[in-house]
Amino acid sequence: QSEFGKRRAELIEQTNIDATHVRFRFTMATRALLGLRSILVTATKGSLVMHSIMSGYKSKIAAIPQQRNGVVIAWEQGVATPYALQKAEARATLFVGPGAKVYTGQVVGMTASRDDMDVNVTKEKHLTNMRASGSDGTVQLTPPLNLSLEQCIDFLEDDELLEVTPESLRLRKRALDRNQRKRKA
């Protein structure tokens, strides 16, 4: 129920169906529903049954506060490399994998802190003639997090945009240039 409170929902009715099932009826804005289903499915371990019906029009409610962390922003344009992604993965959950084309200002992950972080995910590993035992190893990366359209829309902040193409969904900052973002902040 705390998730409904964050989204400014009003509890209309609570009914115990049987010993293991409870029915809740809420009234809330349609825009507050974005991203709610995936959160509730995770919280109920997949046992959620959710329906929504439009009950009418009301004046716009106050803004719903965002509860998410900061984002990882691509610093340079190019192709994401395993070497650079491994460095970024230590501090963030990534939305792109190796070989993905990225551009300056694109959101490529979510940090563990509240602050946004600029990272060069196209950086190549410099080759040397020095070799050490075990240092030539392959890079082990966690698979990137693929967000659905609903999750992307829910993820957006005021300073971000969503690009929808037939091949992909890409999040980006409104101001692509890092210096412009700093000036606005």
C-alpha atoms as a PDB file:
ATOM      1  CA  GLN A   1       0.000   0.000   0.000  1.00  0.00           C
ATOM      2  CA  SER A   2       2.931   2.366   0.466  1.00  0.00           C
ATOM      3  CA  GLU A   3       3.450   2.431  -3.319  1.00  0.00           C
ATOM      4  CA  PHE A   4      -0.117   3.666  -3.736  1.00  0.00           C
ATOM      5  CA  GLY A   5       0.481   6.356  -1.134  1.00  0.00           C
ATOM      6  CA  LYS A   6       3.506   7.632  -3.055  1.00  0.00           C
ATOM      7  CA  ARG A   7       1.309   7.891  -6.139  1.00  0.00           C
ATOM      8  CA  ARG A   8      -1.420   9.821  -4.293  1.00  0.00           C
ATOM      9  CA  ALA A   9      -4.070   7.109  -4.579  1.00  0.00           C
ATOM     10  CA  GLU A  10      -7.194   7.058  -2.397  1.00  0.00           C
ATOM     11  CA  LEU A  11      -8.297   3.726  -0.898  1.00  0.00           C
ATOM     12  CA  ILE A  12     -11.986   3.174  -1.664  1.00  0.00           C
ATOM     13  CA  GLU A  13     -12.508  -0.377  -0.449  1.00  0.00           C
ATOM     14  CA  GLN A  14     -10.600  -3.293   1.077  1.00  0.00           C
ATOM     15  CA  THR A  15     -12.227  -6.737   1.043  1.00  0.00           C
ATOM     16  CA  ASN A  16     -10.942 -10.105   2.251  1.00  0.00           C
ATOM     17  CA  ILE A  17     -11.889 -12.631  -0.438  1.00  0.00           C
ATOM     18  CA  ASP A  18     -10.559 -15.651   1.472  1.00  0.00           C
ATOM     19  CA  ALA A  19      -7.690 -16.474   3.847  1.00  0.00           C
ATOM     20  CA  THR A  20      -4.996 -15.692   1.267  1.00  0.00           C
ATOM     21  CA  HIS A  21      -6.544 -13.085  -1.068  1.00  0.00           C
ATOM     22  CA  VAL A  22      -7.451  -9.440  -0.508  1.00  0.00           C
ATOM     23  CA  ARG A  23      -9.114  -7.046  -2.970  1.00  0.00           C
ATOM     24  CA  PHE A  24      -8.189  -3.364  -2.866  1.00  0.00           C
ATOM     25  CA  ARG A  25      -9.996  -0.626  -4.805  1.00  0.00           C
ATOM     26  CA  PHE A  26      -8.193   2.667  -5.319  1.00  0.00           C
ATOM     27  CA  THR A  27      -8.896   5.903  -7.142  1.00  0.00           C
ATOM     28  CA  MET A  28      -5.835   7.475  -8.734  1.00  0.00           C
ATOM     29  CA  ALA A  29      -4.663   9.465 -11.730  1.00  0.00           C
ATOM     30  CA  THR A  30      -3.940   7.507 -14.914  1.00  0.00           C
ATOM     31  CA  ARG A  31      -0.391   8.853 -15.067  1.00  0.00           C
ATOM     32  CA  ALA A  32       0.233   7.381 -11.607  1.00  0.00           C
ATOM     33  CA  LEU A  33      -0.439   3.903 -13.061  1.00  0.00           C
ATOM     34  CA  LEU A  34       2.680   4.053 -15.262  1.00  0.00           C
ATOM     35  CA  GLY A  35       5.212   1.552 -13.959  1.00  0.00           C
ATOM     36  CA  LEU A  36       2.980   0.451 -11.083  1.00  0.00           C
ATOM     37  CA  ARG A  37       2.147  -2.986 -12.477  1.00  0.00           C
ATOM     38  CA  SER A  38       5.791  -4.146 -12.677  1.00  0.00           C
ATOM     39  CA  ILE A  39       6.483  -2.935  -9.139  1.00  0.00           C
ATOM     40  CA  LEU A  40       3.434  -4.749  -7.748  1.00  0.00           C
ATOM     41  CA  VAL A  41       4.118  -7.975  -9.661  1.00  0.00           C
ATOM     42  CA  THR A  42       7.600  -8.021  -8.129  1.00  0.00           C
ATOM     43  CA  ALA A  43       6.270  -7.207  -4.642  1.00  0.00           C
ATOM     44  CA  THR A  44       3.598  -9.950  -4.791  1.00  0.00           C
ATOM     45  CA  LYS A  45       5.941 -12.510  -6.376  1.00  0.00           C
ATOM     46  CA  GLY A  46       3.771 -12.732  -9.474  1.00  0.00           C
ATOM     47  CA  SER A  47       0.423 -13.330  -7.771  1.00  0.00           C
ATOM     48  CA  LEU A  48      -1.058  -9.927  -8.629  1.00  0.00           C
ATOM     49  CA  VAL A  49      -4.251  -9.534 -10.628  1.00  0.00           C
ATOM     50  CA  MET A  50      -4.722  -5.887 -11.596  1.00  0.00           C
ATOM     51  CA  HIS A  51      -7.502  -4.138 -13.504  1.00  0.00           C
ATOM     52  CA  SER A  52      -8.088  -0.459 -14.232  1.00  0.00           C
ATOM     53  CA  ILE A  53     -11.167   1.399 -15.400  1.00  0.00           C
ATOM     54  CA  MET A  54     -11.476   5.094 -16.125  1.00  0.00           C
ATOM     55  CA  SER A  55     -13.884   6.648 -13.643  1.00  0.00           C
ATOM     56  CA  GLY A  56     -13.961  10.201 -14.974  1.00  0.00           C
ATOM     57  CA  TYR A  57     -12.028  13.404 -15.391  1.00  0.00           C
ATOM     58  CA  LYS A  58     -10.561  15.499 -12.575  1.00  0.00           C
ATOM     59  CA  SER A  59      -8.275  18.492 -12.424  1.00  0.00           C
ATOM     60  CA  LYS A  60      -4.556  17.751 -12.578  1.00  0.00           C
ATOM     61  CA  ILE A  61      -3.095  16.533  -9.289  1.00  0.00           C
ATOM     62  CA  ALA A  62       0.240  17.637  -7.839  1.00  0.00           C
ATOM     63  CA  ALA A  63       3.375  16.147  -9.346  1.00  0.00           C
ATOM     64  CA  ILE A  64       4.272  12.639  -8.234  1.00  0.00           C
ATOM     65  CA  PRO A  65       7.728  12.686  -6.606  1.00  0.00           C
ATOM     66  CA  GLN A  66      10.384  10.547  -8.288  1.00  0.00           C
ATOM     67  CA  GLN A  67      12.017   7.976  -6.052  1.00  0.00           C
ATOM     68  CA  ARG A  68      14.709   6.711  -8.399  1.00  0.00           C
ATOM     69  CA  ASN A  69      18.470   7.102  -8.306  1.00  0.00           C
ATOM     70  CA  GLY A  70      20.663   9.072 -10.684  1.00  0.00           C
ATOM     71  CA  VAL A  71      21.652   7.919 -14.153  1.00  0.00           C
ATOM     72  CA  VAL A  72      24.840   7.036 -16.027  1.00  0.00           C
ATOM     73  CA  ILE A  73      25.252   9.249 -19.086  1.00  0.00           C
ATOM     74  CA  ALA A  74      27.442   8.433 -22.084  1.00  0.00           C
ATOM     75  CA  TRP A  75      30.227  10.991 -22.336  1.00  0.00           C
ATOM     76  CA  GLU A  76      31.336  10.246 -25.914  1.00  0.00           C
ATOM     77  CA  GLN A  77      29.796   8.910 -29.097  1.00  0.00           C
ATOM     78  CA  GLY A  78      30.846   5.496 -30.375  1.00  0.00           C
ATOM     79  CA  VAL A  79      30.443   1.787 -29.707  1.00  0.00           C
ATOM     80  CA  ALA A  80      30.270   0.532 -26.120  1.00  0.00           C
ATOM     81  CA  THR A  81      33.244  -1.682 -25.250  1.00  0.00           C
ATOM     82  CA  PRO A  82      33.381  -4.523 -22.701  1.00  0.00           C
ATOM     83  CA  TYR A  83      36.385  -2.897 -21.001  1.00  0.00           C
ATOM     84  CA  ALA A  84      34.575   0.405 -20.372  1.00  0.00           C
ATOM     85  CA  LEU A  85      31.301  -1.277 -19.422  1.00  0.00           C
ATOM     86  CA  GLN A  86      33.090  -3.402 -16.830  1.00  0.00           C
ATOM     87  CA  LYS A  87      34.376  -0.228 -15.142  1.00  0.00           C
ATOM     88  CA  ALA A  88      30.893   1.374 -15.218  1.00  0.00           C
ATOM     89  CA  GLU A  89      29.183  -1.809 -14.020  1.00  0.00           C
ATOM     90  CA  ALA A  90      31.019  -1.607 -10.699  1.00  0.00           C
ATOM     91  CA  ARG A  91      29.035   1.548  -9.879  1.00  0.00           C
ATOM     92  CA  ALA A  92      25.789   1.158 -11.830  1.00  0.00           C
ATOM     93  CA  THR A  93      23.144  -1.034 -13.423  1.00  0.00           C
ATOM     94  CA  LEU A  94      23.588  -0.790 -17.198  1.00  0.00           C
ATOM     95  CA  PHE A  95      20.968  -0.514 -19.962  1.00  0.00           C
ATOM     96  CA  VAL A  96      23.377  -1.184 -22.869  1.00  0.00           C
ATOM     97  CA  GLY A  97      25.654  -4.089 -23.683  1.00  0.00           C
ATOM     98  CA  PRO A  98      28.959  -4.366 -25.548  1.00  0.00           C
ATOM     99  CA  GLY A  99      28.741  -3.413 -29.200  1.00  0.00           C
ATOM    100  CA  ALA A 100      25.795  -1.044 -28.694  1.00  0.00           C
ATOM    101  CA  LYS A 101      26.054   2.295 -30.488  1.00  0.00           C
ATOM    102  CA  VAL A 102      25.819   5.180 -28.005  1.00  0.00           C
ATOM    103  CA  TYR A 103      25.949   8.943 -28.360  1.00  0.00           C
ATOM    104  CA  THR A 104      26.826  11.852 -26.100  1.00  0.00           C
ATOM    105  CA  GLY A 105      24.033  12.504 -23.601  1.00  0.00           C
ATOM    106  CA  GLN A 106      22.431   9.060 -23.877  1.00  0.00           C
ATOM    107  CA  VAL A 107      21.362   7.435 -20.602  1.00  0.00           C
ATOM    108  CA  VAL A 108      23.176   4.088 -20.441  1.00  0.00           C
ATOM    109  CA  GLY A 109      22.477   3.019 -16.855  1.00  0.00           C
ATOM    110  CA  MET A 110      21.283   3.822 -13.350  1.00  0.00           C
ATOM    111  CA  THR A 111      23.649   4.626 -10.473  1.00  0.00           C
ATOM    112  CA  ALA A 112      23.379   3.484  -6.882  1.00  0.00           C
ATOM    113  CA  SER A 113      23.454   7.118  -5.677  1.00  0.00           C
ATOM    114  CA  ARG A 114      21.109  10.073  -6.306  1.00  0.00           C
ATOM    115  CA  ASP A 115      23.611  11.942  -8.516  1.00  0.00           C
ATOM    116  CA  ASP A 116      24.008  11.619 -12.279  1.00  0.00           C
ATOM    117  CA  MET A 117      27.373  10.348 -13.518  1.00  0.00           C
ATOM    118  CA  ASP A 118      29.078  10.906 -16.893  1.00  0.00           C
ATOM    119  CA  VAL A 119      31.054   7.870 -18.103  1.00  0.00           C
ATOM    120  CA  ASN A 120      32.993   7.080 -21.262  1.00  0.00           C
ATOM    121  CA  VAL A 121      31.550   3.695 -22.238  1.00  0.00           C
ATOM    122  CA  THR A 122      33.482   3.684 -25.548  1.00  0.00           C
ATOM    123  CA  LYS A 123      36.946   3.616 -23.985  1.00  0.00           C
ATOM    124  CA  GLU A 124      39.296   0.979 -25.377  1.00  0.00           C
ATOM    125  CA  LYS A 125      41.834  -0.952 -23.325  1.00  0.00           C
ATOM    126  CA  HIS A 126      45.393   0.100 -24.186  1.00  0.00           C
ATOM    127  CA  LEU A 127      47.487  -2.798 -25.377  1.00  0.00           C
ATOM    128  CA  THR A 128      51.011  -3.293 -24.071  1.00  0.00           C
ATOM    129  CA  ASN A 129      53.722  -5.855 -24.621  1.00  0.00           C
ATOM    130  CA  MET A 130      53.724  -6.750 -20.935  1.00  0.00           C
ATOM    131  CA  ARG A 131      51.680  -9.838 -20.131  1.00  0.00           C
ATOM    132  CA  ALA A 132      50.883 -11.255 -16.749  1.00  0.00           C
ATOM    133  CA  SER A 133      49.478 -14.640 -15.880  1.00  0.00           C
ATOM    134  CA  GLY A 134      45.684 -14.458 -16.035  1.00  0.00           C
ATOM    135  CA  SER A 135      45.491 -10.799 -17.095  1.00  0.00           C
ATOM    136  CA  ASP A 136      44.545 -11.571 -20.695  1.00  0.00           C
ATOM    137  CA  GLY A 137      41.228 -12.967 -19.463  1.00  0.00           C
ATOM    138  CA  THR A 138      37.832 -12.233 -20.829  1.00  0.00           C
ATOM    139  CA  VAL A 139      35.492  -9.673 -19.340  1.00  0.00           C
ATOM    140  CA  GLN A 140      32.452 -11.017 -17.462  1.00  0.00           C
ATOM    141  CA  LEU A 141      29.503  -8.625 -17.712  1.00  0.00           C
ATOM    142  CA  THR A 142      26.022  -8.794 -16.257  1.00  0.00           C
ATOM    143  CA  PRO A 143      23.419  -8.762 -19.054  1.00  0.00           C
ATOM    144  CA  PRO A 144      22.010  -5.252 -19.592  1.00  0.00           C
ATOM    145  CA  LEU A 145      18.632  -4.344 -18.148  1.00  0.00           C
ATOM    146  CA  ASN A 146      16.079  -4.047 -20.965  1.00  0.00           C
ATOM    147  CA  LEU A 147      13.250  -1.692 -20.004  1.00  0.00           C
ATOM    148  CA  SER A 148       9.797  -1.949 -21.560  1.00  0.00           C
ATOM    149  CA  LEU A 149       8.047   1.125 -22.977  1.00  0.00           C
ATOM    150  CA  GLU A 150       5.993   1.505 -19.799  1.00  0.00           C
ATOM    151  CA  GLN A 151       9.088   1.200 -17.604  1.00  0.00           C
ATOM    152  CA  CYS A 152      10.936   3.782 -19.734  1.00  0.00           C
ATOM    153  CA  ILE A 153       8.090   6.289 -19.456  1.00  0.00           C
ATOM    154  CA  ASP A 154       7.905   5.759 -15.698  1.00  0.00           C
ATOM    155  CA  PHE A 155      11.703   6.126 -15.453  1.00  0.00           C
ATOM    156  CA  LEU A 156      11.796   9.589 -17.086  1.00  0.00           C
ATOM    157  CA  GLU A 157      12.603  12.722 -15.106  1.00  0.00           C
ATOM    158  CA  ASP A 158      11.835  16.285 -16.219  1.00  0.00           C
ATOM    159  CA  ASP A 159      15.274  16.707 -17.813  1.00  0.00           C
ATOM    160  CA  GLU A 160      15.102  13.479 -19.839  1.00  0.00           C
ATOM    161  CA  LEU A 161      13.512  12.309 -23.091  1.00  0.00           C
ATOM    162  CA  LEU A 162      12.630   8.914 -24.581  1.00  0.00           C
ATOM    163  CA  GLU A 163      13.484   8.029 -28.188  1.00  0.00           C
ATOM    164  CA  VAL A 164      11.252   5.323 -29.627  1.00  0.00           C
ATOM    165  CA  THR A 165      12.446   3.615 -32.814  1.00  0.00           C
ATOM    166  CA  PRO A 166      11.439   0.286 -34.384  1.00  0.00           C
ATOM    167  CA  GLU A 167      14.720  -1.249 -33.168  1.00  0.00           C
ATOM    168  CA  SER A 168      15.101   0.228 -29.696  1.00  0.00           C
ATOM    169  CA  LEU A 169      14.013   2.457 -26.840  1.00  0.00           C
ATOM    170  CA  ARG A 170      16.705   4.962 -25.827  1.00  0.00           C
ATOM    171  CA  LEU A 171      16.668   7.320 -22.882  1.00  0.00           C
ATOM    172  CA  ARG A 172      18.593  10.585 -23.180  1.00  0.00           C
ATOM    173  CA  LYS A 173      19.077  13.899 -21.440  1.00  0.00           C
ATOM    174  CA  ARG A 174      17.334  16.983 -22.885  1.00  0.00           C
ATOM    175  CA  ALA A 175      20.666  18.795 -22.987  1.00  0.00           C
ATOM    176  CA  LEU A 176      23.077  16.392 -24.659  1.00  0.00           C
ATOM    177  CA  ASP A 177      26.161  18.490 -23.874  1.00  0.00           C
ATOM    178  CA  ARG A 178      27.632  17.868 -20.438  1.00  0.00           C
ATOM    179  CA  ASN A 179      28.593  21.522 -19.934  1.00  0.00           C
ATOM    180  CA  GLN A 180      25.051  22.711 -20.705  1.00  0.00           C
ATOM    181  CA  ARG A 181      23.673  20.287 -18.103  1.00  0.00           C
ATOM    182  CA  LYS A 182      26.111  21.617 -15.497  1.00  0.00           C
ATOM    183  CA  ARG A 183      25.141  25.233 -16.256  1.00  0.00           C
ATOM    184  CA  LYS A 184      21.444  24.439 -15.854  1.00  0.00           C
ATOM    185  CA  ALA A 185      22.095  22.688 -12.539  1.00  0.00           C
END
